Amino acid sequence: MRILQVSAEIFPLLKTGGLADIAGALPLALAAAGQEVRALLPGFPAILSGVKGLAPVADFQAPWGEPARLLKGHIATAGAPDLPTYVIEAPSLYDRPGNPYEDGNRRPYADNHRRFALLGWAAARIAQGLDPSWQPELVHAHDWHAALAPAYLAFADWTGRPRVRSLYTIHNLAYQGVFPPWTFTELGLPHQAFHLNGLEYHGQVSFMKAGLFYADRLSTVSPTYAGEIQTPEQGFGLDGLLRSRSYTLHGILNAVDDAIWNPAGDPLLAAPFDVRRPGGKATCKAALQQKLGLAAAPDAPLFVIVSRLTEQKGLPLVLDGLDALLAQGGQLALLGSGDGWLEDAFRQRAAAAPDSVSVTIGYDEPLAHQLFGGSDVTLVPSLFEPCGLTQMYGLRYGSLPLVHRVGGLADTVVDTTLEDMAAGTATGFTFDEFSGEGYHRALRRAFALYARPADWRRVRATAMRRPADWGTAAARYIEVYKWALS
């Protein structure tokens, strides 16, 4: 099958979160399974500089008349064929400071509706033959940034040629791309699209709703989350639409790119290790404690957070429970950025206990690897979590996840109950009630298990053996593509 993958970011060129990891790994897994895959990306500076061999394909216009150019090149990948890649060149929209979505003051760009409408528009134009040398059979659009692609495909004129189908993947339903109603006039869609059965959402324009309504098939990033988003509690106002389309909705669990996230050969770690040779993990822990200025305490359980700093990630629970963590002899290392009050609160805790608490604001890919490699527990107490890659990296690196049992966290982490430990399936610590008490009980179980080294090593080995390969996930996507085409 000829598949066009459409996303706003991609690892290793541009990453603000897990979307980039998936956008980078899935096309390679699909290609390894024999599919013909190309990527489409906005021309952000990091992408323009990272895609090799860029050459013009065609000039075209946005629906509101702004000129743009489609370029084609490739992304070099270690140990795999290069990924053919289209890039939209539109400097007035994409050549800006800040991250892809916000300016330097963390305010969303006022013309984000244009910036990401153009991404969906270009996908539809490629599907209609903008590149005469290649036309996809299916467009796979990721998250709200690419969500207009299915709408543009639905209203395209397919007279005399096969209609290109679409799959829309929800990575996080909480971020929907909602804009004022006047923006609809710039999108190039017919007036009937601004309707309850279309993009209209409480009088506004919802890019997310466009993807959910017009795509031939829908997917999200874990089986449990696929059920949760069909409920009023986690549907964010779109649960009715999702229930009405439940027959098209598939929950496909994300995976881990073994070429990047593998402690046995990770060049960013102080020492390699794996299930059979776990000794290098102690070296990684000592190196991490030294790097972060934490006390050199090999027997102190080291907890880590690698996350966006938002309330959704359950970080107030961590702040409220930090005294208990430190009182029991634990250490905490955090890497992330986000809400200013959370950044300030964690900084204050680090300043008050520098031997036990380390806080790094921002994102640092090498440090993320070192945190998983050197830590004992990865904290992911999210209020909701579509899938989560952090806990998967923790599992892979023998840093047992402590998670709120929702979404993909429920699908990937097995609690250390007596039954699950006896069955040899336990991989971490979970709690059901999103509360301080629920979190504290899980924290106490982590300390109790850590005090039994033989049991800890056994659970850690089970966690590291948990399969999380992209080959399995790619096979599921291929099934869904076939259903969409049929």
Protein backbone atom coordinates (compact mmCIF):
# COMPACT_ATOMS: atom_id res chain seq x y z
CA MET A 1 0.00 0.00 0.00
CA ARG A 2 1.05 3.57 -0.65
CA ILE A 3 0.62 5.48 2.63
CA LEU A 4 1.16 9.17 3.37
CA GLN A 5 1.87 9.84 7.06
CA VAL A 6 1.00 13.41 8.09
CA SER A 7 2.19 14.96 11.36
CA ALA A 8 3.44 18.25 12.78
CA GLU A 9 6.67 16.85 14.21
CA ILE A 10 8.94 13.84 13.84
CA PHE A 11 11.86 12.37 15.75
CA PRO A 12 14.79 12.96 15.44
CA LEU A 13 14.26 16.32 13.70
CA LEU A 14 11.65 18.02 15.88
CA LYS A 15 10.14 16.76 19.12
CA THR A 16 7.92 18.30 21.78
CA GLY A 17 6.39 15.03 23.00
CA GLY A 18 5.51 11.44 22.24
CA LEU A 19 3.84 12.30 18.92
CA ALA A 20 7.28 12.83 17.37
CA ASP A 21 8.52 9.43 18.53
CA ILE A 22 5.54 7.70 16.98
CA ALA A 23 5.70 9.72 13.76
CA GLY A 24 9.35 8.75 13.43
CA ALA A 25 9.07 5.06 14.28
CA LEU A 26 5.81 3.96 12.64
CA PRO A 27 6.77 4.73 9.01
CA LEU A 28 9.97 2.71 9.39
CA ALA A 29 8.07 -0.24 10.85
CA LEU A 30 5.53 -0.04 8.03
CA ALA A 31 8.30 0.07 5.43
CA ALA A 32 9.95 -2.97 7.06
CA ALA A 33 6.60 -4.73 6.65
CA GLY A 34 6.64 -4.05 2.92
CA GLN A 35 4.51 -0.91 2.72
CA GLU A 36 5.41 2.15 0.61
CA VAL A 37 5.41 5.05 3.06
CA ARG A 38 6.13 8.74 2.77
CA ALA A 39 5.87 11.49 5.39
CA LEU A 40 4.47 15.01 5.08
CA LEU A 41 5.68 17.70 7.49
CA PRO A 42 5.38 21.49 7.91
CA GLY A 43 8.49 23.44 6.97
CA PHE A 44 9.62 24.39 10.46
CA PRO A 45 13.31 25.39 10.53
CA ALA A 46 14.43 22.17 12.26
CA ILE A 47 12.63 20.10 9.64
CA LEU A 48 13.93 22.07 6.66
CA SER A 49 17.47 21.72 7.95
CA GLY A 50 17.08 18.04 8.86
CA VAL A 51 15.47 16.61 5.73
CA LYS A 52 18.21 15.77 3.23
CA GLY A 53 18.23 16.42 -0.51
CA LEU A 54 15.21 18.72 -0.60
CA ALA A 55 14.09 19.63 -4.11
CA PRO A 56 10.96 21.42 -5.40
CA VAL A 57 8.00 19.29 -6.48
CA ALA A 58 5.28 21.86 -7.14
CA ASP A 59 4.02 25.30 -6.22
CA PHE A 60 0.47 25.54 -4.89
CA GLN A 61 -1.80 27.92 -3.03
CA ALA A 62 -3.42 27.70 0.38
CA PRO A 63 -7.22 27.96 0.39
CA TRP A 64 -6.92 31.63 1.44
CA GLY A 65 -4.56 32.36 -1.48
CA GLU A 66 -1.16 32.31 0.23
CA PRO A 67 1.59 30.77 -1.92
CA ALA A 68 3.41 27.63 -0.76
CA ARG A 69 5.80 25.12 -2.25
CA LEU A 70 5.99 21.36 -1.84
CA LEU A 71 9.51 20.01 -1.46
CA LYS A 72 10.66 16.40 -1.44
CA GLY A 73 13.70 14.84 0.22
CA HIS A 74 14.47 12.10 2.71
CA ILE A 75 15.17 11.57 6.41
CA ALA A 76 18.26 9.47 7.02
CA THR A 77 17.66 6.61 9.46
CA ALA A 78 20.27 4.44 11.13
CA GLY A 79 20.10 0.81 10.07
CA ALA A 80 17.05 1.29 7.84
CA PRO A 81 16.24 2.73 4.41
CA ASP A 82 15.78 6.49 4.30
CA LEU A 83 12.24 7.79 4.75
CA PRO A 84 10.97 9.72 1.69
CA THR A 85 9.60 12.98 3.01
CA TYR A 86 7.55 15.91 1.72
CA VAL A 87 7.99 19.31 3.37
CA ILE A 88 5.71 22.33 2.99
CA GLU A 89 7.77 25.46 2.37
CA ALA A 90 5.84 28.49 3.63
CA PRO A 91 8.22 30.74 5.58
CA SER A 92 5.59 33.27 6.59
CA LEU A 93 3.76 30.50 8.46
CA TYR A 94 6.52 28.26 9.76
CA ASP A 95 9.79 30.19 10.05
CA ARG A 96 9.33 31.46 13.59
CA PRO A 97 10.96 31.23 17.02
CA GLY A 98 9.42 29.24 19.84
CA ASN A 99 8.10 25.73 19.56
CA PRO A 100 5.89 24.60 16.65
CA TYR A 101 2.69 25.75 18.34
CA GLU A 102 3.57 28.68 20.63
CA ASP A 103 5.72 31.78 20.64
CA GLY A 104 8.52 32.47 23.08
CA ASN A 105 6.00 33.61 25.69
CA ARG A 106 4.09 30.32 25.41
CA ARG A 107 1.12 31.88 23.67
CA PRO A 108 -0.41 29.92 20.77
CA TYR A 109 0.25 31.64 17.46
CA ALA A 110 -2.83 33.60 16.40
CA ASP A 111 -2.80 32.04 12.92
CA ASN A 112 -2.42 28.40 14.01
CA HIS A 113 -5.62 27.65 12.13
CA ARG A 114 -3.85 28.62 8.90
CA ARG A 115 -0.56 26.97 9.77
CA PHE A 116 -2.13 23.58 10.31
CA ALA A 117 -4.95 23.87 7.80
CA LEU A 118 -2.16 24.09 5.23
CA LEU A 119 -0.78 20.77 6.48
CA GLY A 120 -4.10 19.01 5.87
CA TRP A 121 -4.61 20.88 2.59
CA ALA A 122 -1.21 19.80 1.27
CA ALA A 123 -1.97 16.19 2.22
CA ALA A 124 -5.18 16.32 0.20
CA ARG A 125 -3.41 17.95 -2.75
CA ILE A 126 -0.78 15.20 -2.76
CA ALA A 127 -3.59 12.65 -2.69
CA GLN A 128 -5.07 14.38 -5.75
CA GLY A 129 -1.81 14.25 -7.69
CA LEU A 130 0.23 17.33 -6.74
CA ASP A 131 3.31 15.12 -7.14
CA PRO A 132 2.80 13.48 -10.55
CA SER A 133 5.29 10.74 -9.69
CA TRP A 134 3.53 9.40 -6.59
CA GLN A 135 -0.01 9.27 -5.23
CA PRO A 136 -1.01 7.64 -1.92
CA GLU A 137 -3.85 5.19 -1.56
CA LEU A 138 -4.37 6.24 2.06
CA VAL A 139 -3.60 9.33 4.15
CA HIS A 140 -2.80 8.69 7.82
CA ALA A 141 -3.32 11.95 9.74
CA HIS A 142 -1.97 12.35 13.28
CA ASP A 143 -3.63 14.50 15.96
CA TRP A 144 -5.44 17.82 15.54
CA HIS A 145 -2.67 19.46 13.52
CA ALA A 146 -3.38 17.14 10.57
CA ALA A 147 -7.09 16.63 11.25
CA LEU A 148 -8.40 18.68 8.31
CA ALA A 149 -6.84 16.23 5.84
CA PRO A 150 -9.80 13.80 6.07
CA ALA A 151 -12.25 16.70 5.60
CA TYR A 152 -10.46 17.97 2.49
CA LEU A 153 -10.40 14.41 1.12
CA ALA A 154 -14.11 13.96 1.84
CA PHE A 155 -15.04 17.04 -0.21
CA ALA A 156 -12.54 16.52 -3.05
CA ASP A 157 -13.72 15.72 -6.56
CA TRP A 158 -12.76 12.12 -7.30
CA THR A 159 -14.50 11.90 -10.67
CA GLY A 160 -12.68 9.40 -12.85
CA ARG A 161 -10.14 8.29 -10.27
CA PRO A 162 -10.07 6.14 -7.12
CA ARG A 163 -10.88 7.97 -3.93
CA VAL A 164 -8.00 8.18 -1.48
CA ARG A 165 -9.03 6.95 1.96
CA SER A 166 -7.99 8.19 5.40
CA LEU A 167 -7.17 7.10 8.92
CA TYR A 168 -7.19 9.66 11.71
CA THR A 169 -5.25 8.90 14.91
CA ILE A 170 -6.12 10.61 18.20
CA HIS A 171 -2.99 11.04 20.29
CA ASN A 172 -4.64 13.16 23.00
CA LEU A 173 -8.31 14.13 22.86
CA ALA A 174 -7.72 16.98 25.32
CA TYR A 175 -5.93 19.03 22.66
CA GLN A 176 -8.49 19.63 19.93
CA GLY A 177 -7.45 22.62 17.83
CA VAL A 178 -10.53 24.77 18.47
CA PHE A 179 -10.71 28.18 16.77
CA PRO A 180 -13.19 31.08 16.44
CA PRO A 181 -16.00 30.66 13.87
CA TRP A 182 -14.63 33.34 11.53
CA THR A 183 -11.62 31.15 10.77
CA PHE A 184 -13.86 28.75 8.84
CA THR A 185 -14.05 31.16 5.90
CA GLU A 186 -10.31 30.70 5.31
CA LEU A 187 -10.27 26.91 5.27
CA GLY A 188 -11.57 26.31 1.75
CA LEU A 189 -14.31 23.91 2.84
CA PRO A 190 -17.95 24.14 1.63
CA HIS A 191 -20.42 25.87 3.91
CA GLN A 192 -22.15 22.59 4.80
CA ALA A 193 -18.98 21.48 6.62
CA PHE A 194 -19.66 24.09 9.31
CA HIS A 195 -22.41 22.02 10.85
CA LEU A 196 -23.09 19.80 13.86
CA ASN A 197 -22.29 16.95 11.47
CA GLY A 198 -18.94 18.45 10.56
CA LEU A 199 -16.46 20.92 12.09
CA GLU A 200 -18.88 22.99 14.15
CA TYR A 201 -18.29 22.61 17.89
CA HIS A 202 -20.39 24.83 20.18
CA GLY A 203 -20.30 27.60 17.59
CA GLN A 204 -16.57 27.28 16.98
CA VAL A 205 -14.35 25.37 14.52
CA SER A 206 -12.82 22.13 15.81
CA PHE A 207 -10.02 20.57 13.77
CA MET A 208 -10.19 17.45 15.95
CA LYS A 209 -13.87 17.02 15.20
CA ALA A 210 -13.15 17.25 11.47
CA GLY A 211 -10.83 14.27 11.74
CA LEU A 212 -13.28 12.30 13.87
CA PHE A 213 -16.22 12.98 11.58
CA TYR A 214 -14.73 12.69 8.10
CA ALA A 215 -12.00 10.03 8.34
CA ASP A 216 -12.82 6.59 6.99
CA ARG A 217 -11.29 4.94 10.04
CA LEU A 218 -10.24 6.19 13.48
CA SER A 219 -7.58 4.96 15.85
CA THR A 220 -6.12 5.93 19.16
CA VAL A 221 -3.01 4.90 20.97
CA SER A 222 -4.20 2.25 23.43
CA PRO A 223 -7.17 -0.13 23.74
CA THR A 224 -8.22 1.20 27.16
CA TYR A 225 -8.15 4.82 25.98
CA ALA A 226 -10.34 3.87 23.01
CA GLY A 227 -13.03 2.94 25.51
CA GLU A 228 -12.43 5.83 27.89
CA ILE A 229 -12.90 8.54 25.26
CA GLN A 230 -16.39 7.23 24.56
CA THR A 231 -17.47 8.27 28.06
CA PRO A 232 -18.54 11.74 29.24
CA GLU A 233 -15.73 11.75 31.82
CA GLN A 234 -12.95 11.53 29.23
CA GLY A 235 -14.70 12.38 25.97
CA PHE A 236 -14.10 16.17 26.26
CA GLY A 237 -17.45 16.84 24.64
CA LEU A 238 -16.82 14.48 21.72
CA ASP A 239 -17.88 11.21 23.36
CA GLY A 240 -21.23 11.17 21.55
CA LEU A 241 -19.56 11.43 18.16
CA LEU A 242 -17.03 8.76 19.14
CA ARG A 243 -19.77 6.40 20.31
CA SER A 244 -21.60 6.91 17.03
CA ARG A 245 -18.41 5.95 15.18
CA SER A 246 -17.27 3.22 17.57
CA TYR A 247 -17.40 0.61 14.79
CA THR A 248 -14.57 2.48 13.04
CA LEU A 249 -12.46 3.15 16.16
CA HIS A 250 -9.41 0.99 16.93
CA GLY A 251 -7.12 1.12 19.96
CA ILE A 252 -3.57 0.30 18.88
CA LEU A 253 -0.95 0.40 21.61
CA ASN A 254 2.15 2.46 20.91
CA ALA A 255 5.54 0.78 20.94
CA VAL A 256 9.20 1.55 21.60
CA ASP A 257 11.80 2.05 18.89
CA ASP A 258 14.41 -0.52 19.85
CA ALA A 259 17.04 1.16 17.71
CA ILE A 260 16.85 4.24 19.97
CA TRP A 261 15.58 2.96 23.33
CA ASN A 262 17.69 -0.08 24.18
CA PRO A 263 19.89 -0.09 27.31
CA ALA A 264 22.05 -2.87 25.89
CA GLY A 265 23.46 -0.56 23.23
CA ASP A 266 22.42 2.97 24.20
CA PRO A 267 25.48 5.21 23.62
CA LEU A 268 24.03 7.87 25.93
CA LEU A 269 24.37 5.66 29.03
CA ALA A 270 27.42 5.40 31.27
CA ALA A 271 27.35 1.61 30.86
CA PRO A 272 25.24 -0.87 28.89
CA PHE A 273 22.98 -3.41 30.60
CA ASP A 274 20.17 -5.83 29.84
CA VAL A 275 18.18 -8.55 31.59
CA ARG A 276 21.03 -11.07 31.46
CA ARG A 277 23.75 -8.55 32.37
CA PRO A 278 22.07 -6.02 34.70
CA GLY A 279 25.25 -4.84 36.45
CA GLY A 280 25.64 -1.77 34.25
CA LYS A 281 22.49 -0.24 35.74
CA ALA A 282 24.27 0.44 39.04
CA THR A 283 27.01 2.25 37.10
CA CYS A 284 24.35 4.33 35.33
CA LYS A 285 22.76 5.22 38.67
CA ALA A 286 26.05 6.36 40.18
CA ALA A 287 26.87 8.43 37.09
CA LEU A 288 23.41 10.03 37.14
CA GLN A 289 23.61 10.93 40.82
CA GLN A 290 26.99 12.53 40.24
CA LYS A 291 25.83 14.44 37.17
CA LEU A 292 22.77 15.84 38.95
CA GLY A 293 24.53 16.65 42.20
CA LEU A 294 22.52 14.13 44.20
CA ALA A 295 24.03 12.27 47.13
CA ALA A 296 26.06 9.26 46.01
CA ALA A 297 23.72 6.74 47.64
CA PRO A 298 23.52 3.44 45.75
CA ASP A 299 20.90 2.07 48.14
CA ALA A 300 18.57 5.09 47.93
CA PRO A 301 15.66 4.41 45.55
CA LEU A 302 15.86 7.00 42.78
CA PHE A 303 12.52 8.16 41.35
CA VAL A 304 12.36 10.10 38.07
CA ILE A 305 9.86 12.20 36.13
CA VAL A 306 10.28 12.91 32.41
CA SER A 307 7.18 14.83 31.48
CA ARG A 308 5.37 17.94 30.43
CA LEU A 309 4.69 19.80 33.66
CA THR A 310 0.91 20.01 33.69
CA GLU A 311 -1.80 19.05 36.16
CA GLN A 312 -2.97 16.37 33.70
CA LYS A 313 0.28 14.52 34.41
CA GLY A 314 -0.65 14.19 38.10
CA LEU A 315 2.33 16.22 39.27
CA PRO A 316 0.49 17.89 42.19
CA LEU A 317 0.29 14.38 43.67
CA VAL A 318 4.08 14.12 43.42
CA LEU A 319 4.58 17.51 45.07
CA ASP A 320 2.20 16.68 47.89
CA GLY A 321 3.91 13.31 48.41
CA LEU A 322 7.49 14.51 48.14
CA ASP A 323 8.05 14.82 51.89
CA ALA A 324 7.01 11.20 52.36
CA LEU A 325 9.28 10.09 49.50
CA LEU A 326 12.28 11.88 50.99
CA ALA A 327 11.49 10.75 54.55
CA GLN A 328 11.74 7.14 53.44
CA GLY A 329 15.18 7.76 51.94
CA GLY A 330 14.21 8.29 48.32
CA GLN A 331 15.60 10.71 45.76
CA LEU A 332 13.76 12.51 42.94
CA ALA A 333 15.07 13.74 39.58
CA LEU A 334 12.79 15.67 37.21
CA LEU A 335 13.16 16.70 33.57
CA GLY A 336 10.42 18.71 31.90
CA SER A 337 8.76 22.06 31.32
CA GLY A 338 5.25 23.42 31.27
CA ASP A 339 3.06 25.31 33.72
CA GLY A 340 5.02 28.04 35.45
CA TRP A 341 3.68 27.32 38.92
CA LEU A 342 4.75 23.69 38.70
CA GLU A 343 8.20 24.64 37.43
CA ASP A 344 8.59 27.08 40.34
CA ALA A 345 7.30 24.60 42.92
CA PHE A 346 9.72 21.87 41.87
CA ARG A 347 12.61 24.33 41.67
CA GLN A 348 11.90 25.40 45.25
CA ARG A 349 11.94 21.79 46.44
CA ALA A 350 15.26 21.19 44.67
CA ALA A 351 16.77 24.30 46.24
CA ALA A 352 15.64 23.15 49.69
CA ALA A 353 17.08 19.62 49.34
CA PRO A 354 19.76 19.62 46.62
CA ASP A 355 21.23 16.29 47.78
CA SER A 356 17.89 14.56 47.26
CA VAL A 357 15.99 16.51 44.59
CA SER A 358 17.17 17.54 41.12
CA VAL A 359 15.08 19.59 38.70
CA THR A 360 16.01 20.30 35.07
CA ILE A 361 13.57 22.59 33.27
CA GLY A 362 13.40 22.05 29.52
CA TYR A 363 13.96 18.97 27.42
CA ASP A 364 17.26 17.15 26.99
CA GLU A 365 17.16 13.91 25.00
CA PRO A 366 20.48 12.49 26.33
CA LEU A 367 19.46 13.28 29.91
CA ALA A 368 16.10 11.55 29.37
CA HIS A 369 17.92 8.35 28.42
CA GLN A 370 20.22 8.69 31.42
CA LEU A 371 17.28 9.22 33.79
CA PHE A 372 15.60 6.01 32.69
CA GLY A 373 18.91 4.14 32.68
CA GLY A 374 19.98 5.24 36.15
CA SER A 375 16.68 5.30 38.04
CA ASP A 376 14.72 2.73 39.99
CA VAL A 377 11.16 4.06 39.54
CA THR A 378 9.53 6.14 36.79
CA LEU A 379 6.61 8.24 38.06
CA VAL A 380 3.61 8.63 35.69
CA PRO A 381 0.62 9.39 37.96
CA SER A 382 -1.41 11.02 35.17
CA LEU A 383 -5.04 12.01 35.65
CA PHE A 384 -5.58 10.57 32.15
CA GLU A 385 -3.08 9.19 29.67
CA PRO A 386 -3.93 8.14 26.10
CA CYS A 387 -0.96 5.80 25.93
CA GLY A 388 2.19 7.16 27.45
CA LEU A 389 5.66 6.33 26.23
CA THR A 390 7.44 7.32 29.44
CA GLN A 391 6.32 4.22 31.30
CA MET A 392 7.36 2.08 28.32
CA TYR A 393 10.84 3.58 28.38
CA GLY A 394 10.92 2.94 32.12
CA LEU A 395 9.99 -0.70 31.60
CA ARG A 396 12.61 -1.12 28.89
CA TYR A 397 15.33 0.37 31.11
CA GLY A 398 14.35 -1.44 34.30
CA SER A 399 12.92 1.67 35.98
CA LEU A 400 9.68 0.29 37.37
CA PRO A 401 6.72 2.56 36.50
CA LEU A 402 4.42 3.89 39.21
CA VAL A 403 1.23 4.88 37.41
CA HIS A 404 -2.42 5.81 37.74
CA ARG A 405 -4.23 2.89 36.12
CA VAL A 406 -5.86 4.65 33.16
CA GLY A 407 -5.49 4.56 29.37
CA GLY A 408 -2.28 3.09 28.07
CA LEU A 409 -0.84 3.01 31.59
CA ALA A 410 -3.43 0.35 32.45
CA ASP A 411 -2.52 -1.55 29.29
CA THR A 412 1.22 -1.65 29.95
CA VAL A 413 1.88 -1.83 33.71
CA VAL A 414 0.92 -4.77 35.97
CA ASP A 415 0.78 -4.03 39.69
CA THR A 416 2.94 -5.85 42.23
CA THR A 417 0.04 -7.65 43.89
CA LEU A 418 0.76 -10.98 45.56
CA GLU A 419 -1.12 -12.76 42.79
CA ASP A 420 0.74 -11.03 39.96
CA MET A 421 4.10 -11.51 41.63
CA ALA A 422 3.36 -15.20 42.12
CA ALA A 423 2.36 -15.44 38.45
CA GLY A 424 5.51 -13.63 37.37
CA THR A 425 3.60 -10.87 35.56
CA ALA A 426 4.15 -7.86 37.88
CA THR A 427 6.06 -4.98 36.26
CA GLY A 428 5.40 -1.91 38.42
CA PHE A 429 3.00 -0.13 40.76
CA THR A 430 -0.52 1.11 39.99
CA PHE A 431 -3.29 2.96 41.80
CA ASP A 432 -6.95 3.27 40.83
CA GLU A 433 -8.22 6.24 42.82
CA PHE A 434 -6.73 9.53 41.61
CA SER A 435 -6.00 10.95 45.03
CA GLY A 436 -3.14 11.60 47.38
CA GLU A 437 -3.99 8.46 49.34
CA GLY A 438 -4.10 6.30 46.21
CA TYR A 439 -0.71 7.64 45.12
CA HIS A 440 0.79 7.22 48.61
CA ARG A 441 -0.28 3.58 48.82
CA ALA A 442 1.48 2.86 45.53
CA LEU A 443 4.54 4.76 46.76
CA ARG A 444 4.64 2.66 49.93
CA ARG A 445 4.47 -0.54 47.84
CA ALA A 446 7.44 0.68 45.80
CA PHE A 447 9.53 1.23 48.94
CA ALA A 448 8.40 -2.12 50.38
CA LEU A 449 9.47 -3.99 47.25
CA TYR A 450 12.76 -2.10 47.06
CA ALA A 451 13.53 -3.36 50.57
CA ARG A 452 13.38 -6.94 49.19
CA PRO A 453 16.22 -6.91 46.62
CA ALA A 454 15.60 -10.40 45.23
CA ASP A 455 11.93 -9.64 44.56
CA TRP A 456 12.87 -6.25 43.11
CA ARG A 457 15.30 -7.85 40.67
CA ARG A 458 12.68 -10.41 39.63
CA VAL A 459 10.04 -7.77 38.91
CA ARG A 460 12.60 -5.60 37.12
CA ALA A 461 13.57 -8.50 34.85
CA THR A 462 9.90 -9.10 33.99
CA ALA A 463 9.46 -5.41 33.18
CA MET A 464 12.50 -5.37 30.90
CA ARG A 465 11.27 -8.45 29.02
CA ARG A 466 7.84 -6.95 28.26
CA PRO A 467 7.41 -6.90 24.46
CA ALA A 468 6.79 -3.45 23.00
CA ASP A 469 7.93 -3.76 19.40
CA TRP A 470 6.79 -1.60 16.51
CA GLY A 471 6.48 -4.63 14.24
CA THR A 472 3.40 -5.78 16.17
CA ALA A 473 1.89 -2.29 16.17
CA ALA A 474 2.59 -1.84 12.46
CA ALA A 475 0.77 -5.11 11.69
CA ARG A 476 -2.32 -3.75 13.47
CA TYR A 477 -2.16 -0.49 11.52
CA ILE A 478 -1.88 -2.41 8.26
CA GLU A 479 -5.09 -4.29 9.16
CA VAL A 480 -6.87 -0.97 9.76
CA TYR A 481 -5.54 0.47 6.49
CA LYS A 482 -6.96 -2.52 4.62
CA TRP A 483 -10.33 -2.04 6.28
CA ALA A 484 -10.29 1.64 5.31
CA LEU A 485 -9.49 0.79 1.69
CA SER A 486 -12.19 -1.86 1.54
